[in-house]
Amino acid sequence: MKKLPRKQELGTPNGLKPTILLAELGLEYKLYPINIPKHEDKEPWFLEINPNGRIPALVDEDENGNKITLFESGSMLLYLVARYDKDHKVSYPYDTPDYWETVNWTRMAPEKHEQAISRYVNVTRRLYRVLDTHLAKSKSGYVVGDRVTVADIALWIWVAAYRYSGLSSIDEFPYVKKWLHELLKRPGFGERRNAPQPHIYLELNKLSDEELNARSRAAGAWIQEGLKGDAKA
């Protein structure tokens, strides 16, 4: 692997998806934290990797030395397993039923939109309920089949941030709660989620509403500043 830029933990856990998968696959890589407050994500060198100026982004080389760049976390997950998981340690063969089911679940993870927070919370609760019902039927405890896959990774990073996602607790989703903590026993989710700095979302779940709201206001101000900058670009 060549370079995997991602930002500091300021407003999205999406950068954790590829780093968790890289750990699960046992691949070596170079992690480059992007300094968002200093607008490093808008510098020319980074825009060559991701013209949209967002994180995460990934740079790799094929066997002929050709550069490959990806800048959507879901695309990175599918790329990494297609290229590096030939033994299907965390994936299934292309075009099998389990492969397409995995793709379905990687597309399901919610994104937060502050402009419609009440609707977002309702959607989040519905998605958690869908996942809880699905996991209740899973013999392995994983989202798809008999092994951890990119579906678990894509969903886990958002479920781990359930307070950030608008829920006060996940106790009403017992199978989701069990799945969340069981995955923490794996090296990718346990240790490597802290690269390059401590993973904050499980700790955020312990904050009071007042403390969490204060952090949300600060993050909201940063997001608005970024949006204004994008409009001028």
Protein backbone atom coordinates (compact mmCIF):
# COMPACT_ATOMS: atom_id res chain seq x y z
CA MET A 1 0.00 0.00 0.00
CA LYS A 2 1.22 3.50 -0.73
CA LYS A 3 -0.64 6.21 1.18
CA LEU A 4 -3.95 6.48 2.99
CA PRO A 5 -4.76 10.09 3.87
CA ARG A 6 -7.56 10.68 6.35
CA LYS A 7 -8.57 13.51 8.60
CA GLN A 8 -8.48 13.89 12.34
CA GLU A 9 -11.65 12.87 14.18
CA LEU A 10 -13.64 16.08 13.68
CA GLY A 11 -17.00 15.07 12.32
CA THR A 12 -17.07 11.69 10.57
CA PRO A 13 -15.78 8.22 11.36
CA ASN A 14 -15.64 7.27 7.68
CA GLY A 15 -11.85 7.33 7.70
CA LEU A 16 -11.90 4.34 10.02
CA LYS A 17 -13.44 2.01 7.45
CA PRO A 18 -10.31 1.38 5.36
CA THR A 19 -7.93 1.33 8.34
CA ILE A 20 -10.00 -1.34 10.09
CA LEU A 21 -10.13 -3.41 6.90
CA LEU A 22 -6.38 -3.04 6.33
CA ALA A 23 -5.80 -4.38 9.84
CA GLU A 24 -8.18 -7.29 9.27
CA LEU A 25 -6.30 -8.15 6.08
CA GLY A 26 -2.90 -7.78 7.76
CA LEU A 27 -1.66 -5.32 5.14
CA GLU A 28 1.10 -2.79 5.65
CA TYR A 29 0.26 0.79 4.76
CA LYS A 30 1.30 4.38 5.36
CA LEU A 31 -1.25 6.56 7.11
CA TYR A 32 -1.18 10.30 6.48
CA PRO A 33 -3.48 12.38 8.75
CA ILE A 34 -4.99 15.34 6.92
CA ASN A 35 -5.07 18.65 8.80
CA ILE A 36 -8.60 19.82 8.07
CA PRO A 37 -8.52 23.06 10.13
CA LYS A 38 -5.53 24.17 8.02
CA HIS A 39 -7.41 23.19 4.84
CA GLU A 40 -4.86 20.61 3.80
CA ASP A 41 -7.71 18.75 2.12
CA LYS A 42 -7.97 21.64 -0.36
CA GLU A 43 -4.29 21.75 -1.27
CA PRO A 44 -3.44 20.89 -4.89
CA TRP A 45 -1.58 17.68 -4.04
CA PHE A 46 -4.60 16.30 -2.19
CA LEU A 47 -7.10 17.45 -4.82
CA GLU A 48 -5.15 15.37 -7.33
CA ILE A 49 -6.09 12.36 -5.24
CA ASN A 50 -9.63 13.47 -4.44
CA PRO A 51 -10.98 16.32 -6.57
CA ASN A 52 -13.87 16.63 -4.10
CA GLY A 53 -11.50 17.57 -1.28
CA ARG A 54 -12.84 15.06 1.25
CA ILE A 55 -11.44 12.25 3.34
CA PRO A 56 -10.66 9.43 3.36
CA ALA A 57 -8.63 8.93 0.21
CA LEU A 58 -6.43 6.03 -0.82
CA VAL A 59 -3.46 5.73 -3.16
CA ASP A 60 -2.16 2.33 -4.28
CA GLU A 61 -0.07 0.86 -7.09
CA ASP A 62 -0.80 -2.17 -9.21
CA GLU A 63 1.79 -4.78 -10.12
CA ASN A 64 2.93 -2.63 -13.08
CA GLY A 65 3.49 0.48 -10.97
CA ASN A 66 0.33 2.25 -12.16
CA LYS A 67 -1.18 4.57 -9.55
CA ILE A 68 -4.69 3.83 -8.36
CA THR A 69 -6.62 6.45 -6.37
CA LEU A 70 -9.95 6.08 -4.57
CA PHE A 71 -11.85 8.66 -2.55
CA GLU A 72 -15.08 7.10 -1.29
CA SER A 73 -14.85 4.86 1.77
CA GLY A 74 -17.26 2.29 0.33
CA SER A 75 -15.25 2.09 -2.89
CA MET A 76 -12.08 1.56 -0.87
CA LEU A 77 -13.59 -1.36 1.01
CA LEU A 78 -14.68 -3.09 -2.19
CA TYR A 79 -11.33 -2.36 -3.87
CA LEU A 80 -9.24 -3.69 -0.99
CA VAL A 81 -11.07 -7.00 -0.75
CA ALA A 82 -11.12 -7.43 -4.54
CA ARG A 83 -7.39 -6.83 -4.83
CA TYR A 84 -5.96 -8.19 -1.61
CA ASP A 85 -8.43 -10.72 -0.18
CA LYS A 86 -7.89 -13.50 -2.69
CA ASP A 87 -8.52 -16.14 -0.02
CA HIS A 88 -11.81 -14.44 0.96
CA LYS A 89 -10.83 -13.99 4.57
CA VAL A 90 -13.30 -11.11 4.94
CA SER A 91 -15.24 -11.36 1.69
CA TYR A 92 -17.06 -13.71 -0.67
CA PRO A 93 -16.40 -14.57 -4.33
CA TYR A 94 -17.70 -12.03 -6.82
CA ASP A 95 -21.27 -12.50 -8.06
CA THR A 96 -22.26 -14.99 -5.37
CA PRO A 97 -25.40 -14.30 -3.29
CA ASP A 98 -23.28 -13.50 -0.21
CA TYR A 99 -21.20 -11.04 -2.25
CA TRP A 100 -24.26 -9.03 -3.28
CA GLU A 101 -25.74 -9.17 0.20
CA THR A 102 -22.47 -7.70 1.50
CA VAL A 103 -22.72 -4.88 -1.03
CA ASN A 104 -26.28 -4.19 0.13
CA TRP A 105 -25.25 -3.75 3.75
CA THR A 106 -22.21 -1.57 2.94
CA ARG A 107 -24.62 0.85 1.25
CA MET A 108 -26.92 1.01 4.26
CA ALA A 109 -24.80 2.89 6.82
CA PRO A 110 -26.34 6.29 7.62
CA GLU A 111 -24.78 9.70 7.07
CA LYS A 112 -25.60 12.60 9.36
CA HIS A 113 -27.34 15.70 8.01
CA GLU A 114 -27.67 18.45 10.60
CA GLN A 115 -30.30 20.30 8.57
CA ALA A 116 -32.85 17.50 9.15
CA ILE A 117 -31.82 16.14 12.54
CA SER A 118 -35.27 14.98 13.73
CA ARG A 119 -35.89 13.04 10.55
CA TYR A 120 -32.31 11.75 10.70
CA VAL A 121 -32.82 10.35 14.21
CA ASN A 122 -36.01 8.57 13.10
CA VAL A 123 -34.23 7.10 10.10
CA THR A 124 -31.31 6.05 12.31
CA ARG A 125 -33.61 4.25 14.74
CA ARG A 126 -35.32 2.46 11.86
CA LEU A 127 -31.96 1.34 10.42
CA TYR A 128 -30.79 0.09 13.82
CA ARG A 129 -34.03 -1.88 14.13
CA VAL A 130 -33.52 -3.39 10.67
CA LEU A 131 -29.96 -4.38 11.61
CA ASP A 132 -31.07 -5.76 14.99
CA THR A 133 -33.74 -7.93 13.35
CA HIS A 134 -31.21 -9.16 10.79
CA LEU A 135 -28.55 -10.00 13.40
CA ALA A 136 -31.10 -11.87 15.49
CA LYS A 137 -31.34 -14.36 12.63
CA SER A 138 -27.57 -14.60 12.06
CA LYS A 139 -26.06 -17.89 13.25
CA SER A 140 -22.52 -16.48 13.09
CA GLY A 141 -23.27 -13.12 14.68
CA TYR A 142 -21.94 -11.32 11.60
CA VAL A 143 -23.96 -9.33 9.09
CA VAL A 144 -23.37 -11.63 6.12
CA GLY A 145 -22.63 -15.35 6.14
CA ASP A 146 -20.08 -16.98 8.43
CA ARG A 147 -17.37 -14.31 8.63
CA VAL A 148 -16.69 -10.66 9.24
CA THR A 149 -16.90 -8.65 6.01
CA VAL A 150 -16.77 -5.07 4.80
CA ALA A 151 -20.49 -4.93 5.62
CA ASP A 152 -19.63 -5.26 9.32
CA ILE A 153 -16.93 -2.62 8.99
CA ALA A 154 -19.11 -0.10 7.14
CA LEU A 155 -21.89 -0.45 9.69
CA TRP A 156 -19.77 -0.77 12.82
CA ILE A 157 -18.09 2.62 12.59
CA TRP A 158 -21.51 4.32 12.64
CA VAL A 159 -23.11 2.03 15.22
CA ALA A 160 -20.14 2.68 17.52
CA ALA A 161 -21.08 6.36 17.27
CA TYR A 162 -24.71 5.85 18.24
CA ARG A 163 -24.87 8.98 20.40
CA TYR A 164 -23.36 10.99 17.55
CA SER A 165 -26.00 9.39 15.33
CA GLY A 166 -28.79 10.77 17.52
CA LEU A 167 -29.60 7.84 19.81
CA SER A 168 -29.38 8.08 23.59
CA SER A 169 -28.80 4.32 23.96
CA ILE A 170 -28.61 1.10 21.95
CA ASP A 171 -30.10 -1.02 24.73
CA GLU A 172 -33.33 -1.35 22.72
CA PHE A 173 -31.28 -3.15 20.05
CA PRO A 174 -29.74 -6.09 21.98
CA TYR A 175 -28.36 -7.94 18.97
CA VAL A 176 -26.74 -4.79 17.62
CA LYS A 177 -25.23 -4.12 21.05
CA LYS A 178 -23.79 -7.63 21.28
CA TRP A 179 -22.42 -7.43 17.71
CA LEU A 180 -20.84 -4.04 18.45
CA HIS A 181 -18.90 -5.31 21.46
CA GLU A 182 -18.01 -8.71 20.00
CA LEU A 183 -16.28 -7.01 17.08
CA LEU A 184 -14.18 -5.00 19.52
CA LYS A 185 -12.41 -8.27 20.36
CA ARG A 186 -10.96 -8.37 16.85
CA PRO A 187 -7.63 -6.57 16.25
CA GLY A 188 -8.98 -4.41 13.45
CA PHE A 189 -11.85 -3.04 15.49
CA GLY A 190 -10.09 -3.16 18.85
CA GLU A 191 -6.60 -1.78 18.39
CA ARG A 192 -6.41 -0.43 14.85
CA ARG A 193 -9.48 1.77 15.16
CA ASN A 194 -7.15 4.08 17.12
CA ALA A 195 -4.91 4.86 14.13
CA PRO A 196 -3.48 7.46 13.92
CA GLN A 197 -5.02 8.77 17.14
CA PRO A 198 -7.51 7.52 19.74
CA HIS A 199 -10.95 6.61 18.47
CA ILE A 200 -13.35 9.00 20.22
CA TYR A 201 -16.82 7.75 19.42
CA LEU A 202 -17.22 5.08 22.07
CA GLU A 203 -16.12 7.65 24.63
CA LEU A 204 -18.60 10.19 23.25
CA ASN A 205 -21.35 7.72 24.03
CA LYS A 206 -20.57 8.21 27.74
CA LEU A 207 -21.03 11.99 27.70
CA SER A 208 -24.03 13.78 29.13
CA ASP A 209 -26.48 15.40 26.73
CA GLU A 210 -25.10 18.81 27.66
CA GLU A 211 -21.51 17.79 26.94
CA LEU A 212 -22.46 16.09 23.70
CA ASN A 213 -24.50 19.10 22.55
CA ALA A 214 -21.53 21.38 23.23
CA ARG A 215 -19.30 19.19 21.06
CA SER A 216 -21.98 19.08 18.36
CA ARG A 217 -22.22 22.87 18.28
CA ALA A 218 -18.46 23.15 17.90
CA ALA A 219 -18.45 20.57 15.13
CA GLY A 220 -21.39 22.30 13.44
CA ALA A 221 -19.49 25.59 13.35
CA TRP A 222 -16.52 23.83 11.78
CA ILE A 223 -18.78 22.17 9.17
CA GLN A 224 -20.39 25.48 8.24
CA GLU A 225 -16.97 27.06 7.81
CA GLY A 226 -15.98 24.23 5.50
CA LEU A 227 -19.16 24.60 3.45
CA LYS A 228 -18.51 28.32 3.00
CA GLY A 229 -15.00 27.50 1.84
CA ASP A 230 -16.34 24.96 -0.65
CA ALA A 231 -18.76 27.55 -2.06
CA LYS A 232 -15.86 29.89 -2.80
CA ALA A 233 -13.75 27.21 -4.45
